[in-house]
Amino acid sequence: MRQTTSSQKTPDSYAAGLAELEEILDYLRGSEVDLETLAEKVERAGQLIRFCRQRLDDISFKVNDVLDSVKATLDGDR
């Protein structure tokens, strides 16, 4: 994910990205949403969603790789 400003840097972790996304959602649910800020918040939310999705995909791949390796080892022991 590209870095646009210091406040829009790539999160350090999935948890950090999710926490920032939740802050944005809380802001958007508020009764006093600033129209001037709306597009910026929605754009940032999109960046965070893509980041979190990529982290989930990466972890899922790693977990499946480990499980496949364990299964192959167990199958070889038979």
PDB file of N, CA and C in Angstrom:
ATOM      1  N   MET A   1       0.853  -1.169   0.000  1.00  0.00           N
ATOM      2  CA  MET A   1       0.000   0.000   0.000  1.00  0.00           C
ATOM      3  C   MET A   1       0.896   1.227   0.000  1.00  0.00           C
ATOM      4  N   ARG A   2       0.606   2.210  -0.802  1.00  0.00           N
ATOM      5  CA  ARG A   2       1.439   3.402  -0.863  1.00  0.00           C
ATOM      6  C   ARG A   2       1.179   4.289   0.338  1.00  0.00           C
ATOM      7  N   GLN A   3       2.203   5.032   0.713  1.00  0.00           N
ATOM      8  CA  GLN A   3       2.070   5.945   1.832  1.00  0.00           C
ATOM      9  C   GLN A   3       1.811   7.333   1.275  1.00  0.00           C
ATOM     10  N   THR A   4       0.697   7.953   1.682  1.00  0.00           N
ATOM     11  CA  THR A   4       0.368   9.264   1.149  1.00  0.00           C
ATOM     12  C   THR A   4       0.759  10.384   2.100  1.00  0.00           C
ATOM     13  N   THR A   5       0.504  10.221   3.376  1.00  0.00           N
ATOM     14  CA  THR A   5       0.934  11.189   4.378  1.00  0.00           C
ATOM     15  C   THR A   5       1.349  10.414   5.609  1.00  0.00           C
ATOM     16  N   SER A   6       1.949  11.119   6.550  1.00  0.00           N
ATOM     17  CA  SER A   6       2.361  10.423   7.765  1.00  0.00           C
ATOM     18  C   SER A   6       1.164   9.853   8.508  1.00  0.00           C
ATOM     19  N   SER A   7      -0.003  10.497   8.399  1.00  0.00           N
ATOM     20  CA  SER A   7      -1.185   9.975   9.079  1.00  0.00           C
ATOM     21  C   SER A   7      -1.807   8.816   8.310  1.00  0.00           C
ATOM     22  N   GLN A   8      -1.364   8.597   7.072  1.00  0.00           N
ATOM     23  CA  GLN A   8      -1.914   7.516   6.265  1.00  0.00           C
ATOM     24  C   GLN A   8      -0.847   6.487   5.921  1.00  0.00           C
ATOM     25  N   LYS A   9       0.057   6.263   6.840  1.00  0.00           N
ATOM     26  CA  LYS A   9       1.099   5.272   6.594  1.00  0.00           C
ATOM     27  C   LYS A   9       0.520   3.865   6.682  1.00  0.00           C
ATOM     28  N   THR A  10       1.269   2.933   6.156  1.00  0.00           N
ATOM     29  CA  THR A  10       0.870   1.537   6.240  1.00  0.00           C
ATOM     30  C   THR A  10       0.859   1.119   7.706  1.00  0.00           C
ATOM     31  N   PRO A  11      -0.209   0.481   8.153  1.00  0.00           N
ATOM     32  CA  PRO A  11      -0.266   0.044   9.556  1.00  0.00           C
ATOM     33  C   PRO A  11       0.871  -0.928   9.867  1.00  0.00           C
ATOM     34  N   ASP A  12       1.276  -0.957  11.130  1.00  0.00           N
ATOM     35  CA  ASP A  12       2.342  -1.857  11.561  1.00  0.00           C
ATOM     36  C   ASP A  12       1.877  -3.306  11.625  1.00  0.00           C
ATOM     37  N   SER A  13       0.570  -3.504  11.772  1.00  0.00           N
ATOM     38  CA  SER A  13       0.050  -4.858  11.927  1.00  0.00           C
ATOM     39  C   SER A  13      -1.417  -4.894  11.516  1.00  0.00           C
ATOM     40  N   TYR A  14      -1.935  -6.114  11.410  1.00  0.00           N
ATOM     41  CA  TYR A  14      -3.356  -6.299  11.131  1.00  0.00           C
ATOM     42  C   TYR A  14      -4.188  -5.634  12.222  1.00  0.00           C
ATOM     43  N   ALA A  15      -3.793  -5.833  13.482  1.00  0.00           N
ATOM     44  CA  ALA A  15      -4.544  -5.264  14.609  1.00  0.00           C
ATOM     45  C   ALA A  15      -4.572  -3.739  14.540  1.00  0.00           C
ATOM     46  N   ALA A  16      -3.449  -3.131  14.176  1.00  0.00           N
ATOM     47  CA  ALA A  16      -3.393  -1.671  14.063  1.00  0.00           C
ATOM     48  C   ALA A  16      -4.282  -1.184  12.923  1.00  0.00           C
ATOM     49  N   GLY A  17      -4.262  -1.892  11.812  1.00  0.00           N
ATOM     50  CA  GLY A  17      -5.115  -1.530  10.682  1.00  0.00           C
ATOM     51  C   GLY A  17      -6.583  -1.646  11.024  1.00  0.00           C
ATOM     52  N   LEU A  18      -6.927  -2.717  11.702  1.00  0.00           N
ATOM     53  CA  LEU A  18      -8.316  -2.935  12.098  1.00  0.00           C
ATOM     54  C   LEU A  18      -8.770  -1.878  13.102  1.00  0.00           C
ATOM     55  N   ALA A  19      -7.900  -1.530  14.038  1.00  0.00           N
ATOM     56  CA  ALA A  19      -8.239  -0.506  15.032  1.00  0.00           C
ATOM     57  C   ALA A  19      -8.489   0.845  14.359  1.00  0.00           C
ATOM     58  N   GLU A  20      -7.642   1.207  13.398  1.00  0.00           N
ATOM     59  CA  GLU A  20      -7.833   2.471  12.686  1.00  0.00           C
ATOM     60  C   GLU A  20      -9.118   2.437  11.870  1.00  0.00           C
ATOM     61  N   LEU A  21      -9.392   1.305  11.250  1.00  0.00           N
ATOM     62  CA  LEU A  21     -10.629   1.160  10.483  1.00  0.00           C
ATOM     63  C   LEU A  21     -11.850   1.329  11.389  1.00  0.00           C
ATOM     64  N   GLU A  22     -11.792   0.759  12.575  1.00  0.00           N
ATOM     65  CA  GLU A  22     -12.898   0.902  13.529  1.00  0.00           C
ATOM     66  C   GLU A  22     -13.075   2.353  13.964  1.00  0.00           C
ATOM     67  N   GLU A  23     -11.971   3.090  14.119  1.00  0.00           N
ATOM     68  CA  GLU A  23     -12.058   4.517  14.449  1.00  0.00           C
ATOM     69  C   GLU A  23     -12.768   5.287  13.337  1.00  0.00           C
ATOM     70  N   ILE A  24     -12.427   4.968  12.099  1.00  0.00           N
ATOM     71  CA  ILE A  24     -13.073   5.632  10.965  1.00  0.00           C
ATOM     72  C   ILE A  24     -14.561   5.311  10.941  1.00  0.00           C
ATOM     73  N   LEU A  25     -14.900   4.053  11.163  1.00  0.00           N
ATOM     74  CA  LEU A  25     -16.315   3.671  11.178  1.00  0.00           C
ATOM     75  C   LEU A  25     -17.071   4.396  12.284  1.00  0.00           C
ATOM     76  N   ASP A  26     -16.470   4.515  13.451  1.00  0.00           N
ATOM     77  CA  ASP A  26     -17.102   5.260  14.545  1.00  0.00           C
ATOM     78  C   ASP A  26     -17.337   6.714  14.136  1.00  0.00           C
ATOM     79  N   TYR A  27     -16.331   7.307  13.476  1.00  0.00           N
ATOM     80  CA  TYR A  27     -16.463   8.685  13.010  1.00  0.00           C
ATOM     81  C   TYR A  27     -17.614   8.804  12.011  1.00  0.00           C
ATOM     82  N   LEU A  28     -17.664   7.876  11.059  1.00  0.00           N
ATOM     83  CA  LEU A  28     -18.699   7.935  10.023  1.00  0.00           C
ATOM     84  C   LEU A  28     -20.093   7.687  10.583  1.00  0.00           C
ATOM     85  N   ARG A  29     -20.184   6.955  11.676  1.00  0.00           N
ATOM     86  CA  ARG A  29     -21.478   6.708  12.315  1.00  0.00           C
ATOM     87  C   ARG A  29     -21.930   7.897  13.160  1.00  0.00           C
ATOM     88  N   GLY A  30     -21.022   8.807  13.423  1.00  0.00           N
ATOM     89  CA  GLY A  30     -21.334   9.957  14.265  1.00  0.00           C
ATOM     90  C   GLY A  30     -22.335  10.885  13.601  1.00  0.00           C
ATOM     91  N   SER A  31     -22.939  11.705  14.410  1.00  0.00           N
ATOM     92  CA  SER A  31     -23.976  12.601  13.903  1.00  0.00           C
ATOM     93  C   SER A  31     -23.404  13.839  13.228  1.00  0.00           C
ATOM     94  N   GLU A  32     -22.128  14.120  13.446  1.00  0.00           N
ATOM     95  CA  GLU A  32     -21.536  15.332  12.886  1.00  0.00           C
ATOM     96  C   GLU A  32     -20.401  15.001  11.922  1.00  0.00           C
ATOM     97  N   VAL A  33     -20.700  14.264  10.888  1.00  0.00           N
ATOM     98  CA  VAL A  33     -19.695  13.913   9.887  1.00  0.00           C
ATOM     99  C   VAL A  33     -19.421  15.143   9.028  1.00  0.00           C
ATOM    100  N   ASP A  34     -18.163  15.546   8.984  1.00  0.00           N
ATOM    101  CA  ASP A  34     -17.753  16.690   8.175  1.00  0.00           C
ATOM    102  C   ASP A  34     -17.689  16.263   6.715  1.00  0.00           C
ATOM    103  N   LEU A  35     -18.500  16.889   5.899  1.00  0.00           N
ATOM    104  CA  LEU A  35     -18.580  16.520   4.491  1.00  0.00           C
ATOM    105  C   LEU A  35     -17.241  16.685   3.784  1.00  0.00           C
ATOM    106  N   GLU A  36     -16.458  17.663   4.212  1.00  0.00           N
ATOM    107  CA  GLU A  36     -15.154  17.906   3.591  1.00  0.00           C
ATOM    108  C   GLU A  36     -14.184  16.759   3.866  1.00  0.00           C
ATOM    109  N   THR A  37     -14.380  16.062   4.964  1.00  0.00           N
ATOM    110  CA  THR A  37     -13.483  14.990   5.373  1.00  0.00           C
ATOM    111  C   THR A  37     -13.974  13.621   4.918  1.00  0.00           C
ATOM    112  N   LEU A  38     -15.220  13.534   4.500  1.00  0.00           N
ATOM    113  CA  LEU A  38     -15.845  12.253   4.177  1.00  0.00           C
ATOM    114  C   LEU A  38     -15.063  11.461   3.130  1.00  0.00           C
ATOM    115  N   ALA A  39     -14.720  12.084   2.009  1.00  0.00           N
ATOM    116  CA  ALA A  39     -14.007  11.373   0.941  1.00  0.00           C
ATOM    117  C   ALA A  39     -12.657  10.860   1.426  1.00  0.00           C
ATOM    118  N   GLU A  40     -11.962  11.675   2.210  1.00  0.00           N
ATOM    119  CA  GLU A  40     -10.656  11.269   2.747  1.00  0.00           C
ATOM    120  C   GLU A  40     -10.799  10.051   3.663  1.00  0.00           C
ATOM    121  N   LYS A  41     -11.804  10.077   4.523  1.00  0.00           N
ATOM    122  CA  LYS A  41     -12.030   8.959   5.449  1.00  0.00           C
ATOM    123  C   LYS A  41     -12.411   7.685   4.695  1.00  0.00           C
ATOM    124  N   VAL A  42     -13.262   7.821   3.697  1.00  0.00           N
ATOM    125  CA  VAL A  42     -13.687   6.652   2.921  1.00  0.00           C
ATOM    126  C   VAL A  42     -12.508   6.086   2.132  1.00  0.00           C
ATOM    127  N   GLU A  43     -11.682   6.960   1.570  1.00  0.00           N
ATOM    128  CA  GLU A  43     -10.493   6.495   0.843  1.00  0.00           C
ATOM    129  C   GLU A  43      -9.544   5.744   1.780  1.00  0.00           C
ATOM    130  N   ARG A  44      -9.319   6.296   2.961  1.00  0.00           N
ATOM    131  CA  ARG A  44      -8.436   5.641   3.936  1.00  0.00           C
ATOM    132  C   ARG A  44      -9.020   4.305   4.372  1.00  0.00           C
ATOM    133  N   ALA A  45     -10.335   4.262   4.576  1.00  0.00           N
ATOM    134  CA  ALA A  45     -10.982   2.997   4.945  1.00  0.00           C
ATOM    135  C   ALA A  45     -10.737   1.952   3.865  1.00  0.00           C
ATOM    136  N   GLY A  46     -10.826   2.348   2.605  1.00  0.00           N
ATOM    137  CA  GLY A  46     -10.552   1.421   1.508  1.00  0.00           C
ATOM    138  C   GLY A  46      -9.123   0.900   1.548  1.00  0.00           C
ATOM    139  N   GLN A  47      -8.171   1.784   1.835  1.00  0.00           N
ATOM    140  CA  GLN A  47      -6.772   1.373   1.946  1.00  0.00           C
ATOM    141  C   GLN A  47      -6.594   0.366   3.080  1.00  0.00           C
ATOM    142  N   LEU A  48      -7.230   0.640   4.193  1.00  0.00           N
ATOM    143  CA  LEU A  48      -7.110  -0.249   5.353  1.00  0.00           C
ATOM    144  C   LEU A  48      -7.766  -1.596   5.100  1.00  0.00           C
ATOM    145  N   ILE A  49      -8.896  -1.589   4.427  1.00  0.00           N
ATOM    146  CA  ILE A  49      -9.567  -2.851   4.090  1.00  0.00           C
ATOM    147  C   ILE A  49      -8.675  -3.692   3.187  1.00  0.00           C
ATOM    148  N   ARG A  50      -8.062  -3.058   2.182  1.00  0.00           N
ATOM    149  CA  ARG A  50      -7.157  -3.797   1.290  1.00  0.00           C
ATOM    150  C   ARG A  50      -5.957  -4.339   2.062  1.00  0.00           C
ATOM    151  N   PHE A  51      -5.393  -3.533   2.959  1.00  0.00           N
ATOM    152  CA  PHE A  51      -4.259  -3.974   3.769  1.00  0.00           C
ATOM    153  C   PHE A  51      -4.641  -5.177   4.627  1.00  0.00           C
ATOM    154  N   CYS A  52      -5.759  -5.067   5.342  1.00  0.00           N
ATOM    155  CA  CYS A  52      -6.187  -6.157   6.231  1.00  0.00           C
ATOM    156  C   CYS A  52      -6.498  -7.412   5.428  1.00  0.00           C
ATOM    157  N   ARG A  53      -7.119  -7.255   4.285  1.00  0.00           N
ATOM    158  CA  ARG A  53      -7.443  -8.404   3.431  1.00  0.00           C
ATOM    159  C   ARG A  53      -6.163  -9.104   2.974  1.00  0.00           C
ATOM    160  N   GLN A  54      -5.166  -8.319   2.595  1.00  0.00           N
ATOM    161  CA  GLN A  54      -3.893  -8.896   2.156  1.00  0.00           C
ATOM    162  C   GLN A  54      -3.207  -9.642   3.296  1.00  0.00           C
ATOM    163  N   ARG A  55      -3.234  -9.068   4.498  1.00  0.00           N
ATOM    164  CA  ARG A  55      -2.636  -9.752   5.657  1.00  0.00           C
ATOM    165  C   ARG A  55      -3.352 -11.067   5.930  1.00  0.00           C
ATOM    166  N   LEU A  56      -4.685 -11.064   5.863  1.00  0.00           N
ATOM    167  CA  LEU A  56      -5.444 -12.300   6.064  1.00  0.00           C
ATOM    168  C   LEU A  56      -5.085 -13.342   5.010  1.00  0.00           C
ATOM    169  N   ASP A  57      -4.984 -12.907   3.755  1.00  0.00           N
ATOM    170  CA  ASP A  57      -4.610 -13.832   2.680  1.00  0.00           C
ATOM    171  C   ASP A  57      -3.216 -14.408   2.909  1.00  0.00           C
ATOM    172  N   ASP A  58      -2.266 -13.540   3.312  1.00  0.00           N
ATOM    173  CA  ASP A  58      -0.893 -13.994   3.565  1.00  0.00           C
ATOM    174  C   ASP A  58      -0.845 -15.032   4.686  1.00  0.00           C
ATOM    175  N   ILE A  59      -1.527 -14.746   5.778  1.00  0.00           N
ATOM    176  CA  ILE A  59      -1.535 -15.665   6.919  1.00  0.00           C
ATOM    177  C   ILE A  59      -2.235 -16.964   6.554  1.00  0.00           C
ATOM    178  N   SER A  60      -3.324 -16.870   5.832  1.00  0.00           N
ATOM    179  CA  SER A  60      -4.050 -18.069   5.407  1.00  0.00           C
ATOM    180  C   SER A  60      -3.148 -18.966   4.558  1.00  0.00           C
ATOM    181  N   PHE A  61      -2.385 -18.364   3.648  1.00  0.00           N
ATOM    182  CA  PHE A  61      -1.465 -19.127   2.810  1.00  0.00           C
ATOM    183  C   PHE A  61      -0.413 -19.825   3.670  1.00  0.00           C
ATOM    184  N   LYS A  62       0.160 -19.091   4.633  1.00  0.00           N
ATOM    185  CA  LYS A  62       1.194 -19.668   5.497  1.00  0.00           C
ATOM    186  C   LYS A  62       0.640 -20.816   6.341  1.00  0.00           C
ATOM    187  N   VAL A  63      -0.544 -20.626   6.901  1.00  0.00           N
ATOM    188  CA  VAL A  63      -1.157 -21.673   7.725  1.00  0.00           C
ATOM    189  C   VAL A  63      -1.434 -22.909   6.878  1.00  0.00           C
ATOM    190  N   ASN A  64      -1.991 -22.718   5.698  1.00  0.00           N
ATOM    191  CA  ASN A  64      -2.269 -23.857   4.821  1.00  0.00           C
ATOM    192  C   ASN A  64      -0.990 -24.572   4.408  1.00  0.00           C
ATOM    193  N   ASP A  65       0.074 -23.811   4.186  1.00  0.00           N
ATOM    194  CA  ASP A  65       1.358 -24.405   3.828  1.00  0.00           C
ATOM    195  C   ASP A  65       1.882 -25.282   4.968  1.00  0.00           C
ATOM    196  N   VAL A  66       1.793 -24.791   6.194  1.00  0.00           N
ATOM    197  CA  VAL A  66       2.229 -25.573   7.358  1.00  0.00           C
ATOM    198  C   VAL A  66       1.366 -26.818   7.511  1.00  0.00           C
ATOM    199  N   LEU A  67       0.059 -26.670   7.378  1.00  0.00           N
ATOM    200  CA  LEU A  67      -0.839 -27.821   7.505  1.00  0.00           C
ATOM    201  C   LEU A  67      -0.561 -28.872   6.435  1.00  0.00           C
ATOM    202  N   ASP A  68      -0.291 -28.427   5.208  1.00  0.00           N
ATOM    203  CA  ASP A  68       0.051 -29.369   4.138  1.00  0.00           C
ATOM    204  C   ASP A  68       1.344 -30.112   4.462  1.00  0.00           C
ATOM    205  N   SER A  69       2.316 -29.394   5.017  1.00  0.00           N
ATOM    206  CA  SER A  69       3.590 -30.007   5.386  1.00  0.00           C
ATOM    207  C   SER A  69       3.399 -31.041   6.494  1.00  0.00           C
ATOM    208  N   VAL A  70       2.603 -30.696   7.492  1.00  0.00           N
ATOM    209  CA  VAL A  70       2.325 -31.630   8.588  1.00  0.00           C
ATOM    210  C   VAL A  70       1.598 -32.857   8.057  1.00  0.00           C
ATOM    211  N   LYS A  71       0.622 -32.642   7.194  1.00  0.00           N
ATOM    212  CA  LYS A  71      -0.133 -33.766   6.622  1.00  0.00           C
ATOM    213  C   LYS A  71       0.790 -34.681   5.828  1.00  0.00           C
ATOM    214  N   ALA A  72       1.685 -34.095   5.036  1.00  0.00           N
ATOM    215  CA  ALA A  72       2.622 -34.903   4.255  1.00  0.00           C
ATOM    216  C   ALA A  72       3.539 -35.710   5.174  1.00  0.00           C
ATOM    217  N   THR A  73       3.977 -35.101   6.257  1.00  0.00           N
ATOM    218  CA  THR A  73       4.821 -35.807   7.221  1.00  0.00           C
ATOM    219  C   THR A  73       4.066 -36.961   7.859  1.00  0.00           C
ATOM    220  N   LEU A  74       2.840 -36.706   8.267  1.00  0.00           N
ATOM    221  CA  LEU A  74       2.034 -37.757   8.891  1.00  0.00           C
ATOM    222  C   LEU A  74       1.718 -38.876   7.906  1.00  0.00           C
ATOM    223  N   ASP A  75       1.430 -38.525   6.665  1.00  0.00           N
ATOM    224  CA  ASP A  75       1.154 -39.538   5.644  1.00  0.00           C
ATOM    225  C   ASP A  75       2.391 -40.382   5.358  1.00  0.00           C
ATOM    226  N   GLY A  76       3.576 -39.773   5.461  1.00  0.00           N
ATOM    227  CA  GLY A  76       4.819 -40.498   5.235  1.00  0.00           C
ATOM    228  C   GLY A  76       5.167 -41.454   6.358  1.00  0.00           C
ATOM    229  N   ASP A  77       4.620 -41.217   7.540  1.00  0.00           N
ATOM    230  CA  ASP A  77       4.885 -42.076   8.700  1.00  0.00           C
ATOM    231  C   ASP A  77       4.051 -43.345   8.685  1.00  0.00           C
ATOM    232  N   ARG A  78       3.104 -43.436   7.814  1.00  0.00           N
ATOM    233  CA  ARG A  78       2.220 -44.615   7.803  1.00  0.00           C
ATOM    234  C   ARG A  78       2.825 -45.773   7.091  1.00  0.00           C
TER     235      ARG A  78
END
